[in-house]
Amino acid sequence: MASTVFDGNPASPAPDTGDVRSEFEALLSGCGFYELSSRVKIALTGGDRMRWLNGMVTNNIRDLAAGRGIYAFLLNPQGHILGDLYAYNRGDSLMIDSDQSQSEKLLATFDHYIIMDDVEVANVSDKLTAIGLTGPKSRAVLRAGGFEIPNLVPLQFLDMPWQNVSMTVVRGDNASVESYELWLAPDTLTSVRDALTNAGAMPVGANALELLRVASGIPRYWQDIRERDLPQETEQQRALHFSKGCYIGQEIVERIRSRGNVHRKFTGFEVEGALRAVGTKIQADGRDIGEITSVASLPLAGGDRSVALGYIRRELATPGKQFQVGATRLSIANLPFSEVFRHEDL
């Protein structure tokens, strides 16, 4: 995700049609849409909500303007990542958006740290679902479907009516391709989906979205980001703020920043030969120096392209540097992967 807005965590997308190549092409050059019914939405209310959440996560909630969102990590006291989330300031509340698989841990952690604070936590996922749209023609499709939206910056959102139905439009933060989310009541899902289809959007499934996530270089929690990982190892600087004040795990994050002693980094790999299994270790001189966490064969117009995401020792993370894993050659690549996205329409 991530997420999100398409953050690379496409929960409950439309069923796969089998034509993944066409779906992936729609995401790159047209507009694909997908359901996000299994994203968890958690509303925070109460007078202490801004101060309290600012002390919980790695990004700056204190100065978050109404109508804007941020991406952040939730850490344990040792600085390891318990989860990732988006937080949006809705004025009279904060909305937390994350993957459903993280909901139990997020809710339990929130509950543990609310002591004398005026904060109320409510899981509102049964009242609020979402549809995601990705592709350079997404805004044109929204307009054709009757959604008159202004220019929005990443993670800015707007409440608006559509055919006498209230919903929220959120601009995504995938820097590689334009994306949006529509937050809406579950009983309006069918009518909105039909309107997007009639406006020219293609329904896309989980396989195409996973290809887009990997091509964009967006790590997924549980897969590319695990609880044993430290924030700076993930290369997700967008999740960190270094002058916001104290939060859980902040001492470790600051120590890493000041000493510069993180040993691994999240990176991309160009793959020559067979794709290796997720979890495959990369070795040199008999010792582990890296690990593969995601793989994909991208169906591009110029031919399929095998790529992977994972970690490598920081001192070895020079673009173009090669490593051999059995009969497979891996080359360090910058993220997102080059020559995949069409930037002229962004």
Foldseek 3Di string as FASTA:
>chain_A
DVDDLPHLDQAQWDDAPPPLQVQLVCQFANKAKTWRLQKWKKKKAFDCRQVQVCQFWFDASVPADAQFKAKTFGAALQQFGLAIWMWHHNPRIIIIIDGNVSVVVVVVVVVVPPDVGGMDMDTCSLFKIKMKMHALCVVVLCVQLPNDDDDDDARGKDWDDGPNFIWMKHWHDLPQTTMIMIMHGPVCVVVSVVSSVVSPHHRHDDQSSNLVCLLQLNDDEPQAGDRVDHVVQAVPCRHHDLPNDHHRNNVVVVVCVVVVPDFKHKFKKWKDDDDDDFQDFFDDPPDGFWGWRAWDFRQDPVGTTIMTIIMGTPVQQDAQDWGDDPPMIIGTAHGNHPPPHDDPSD
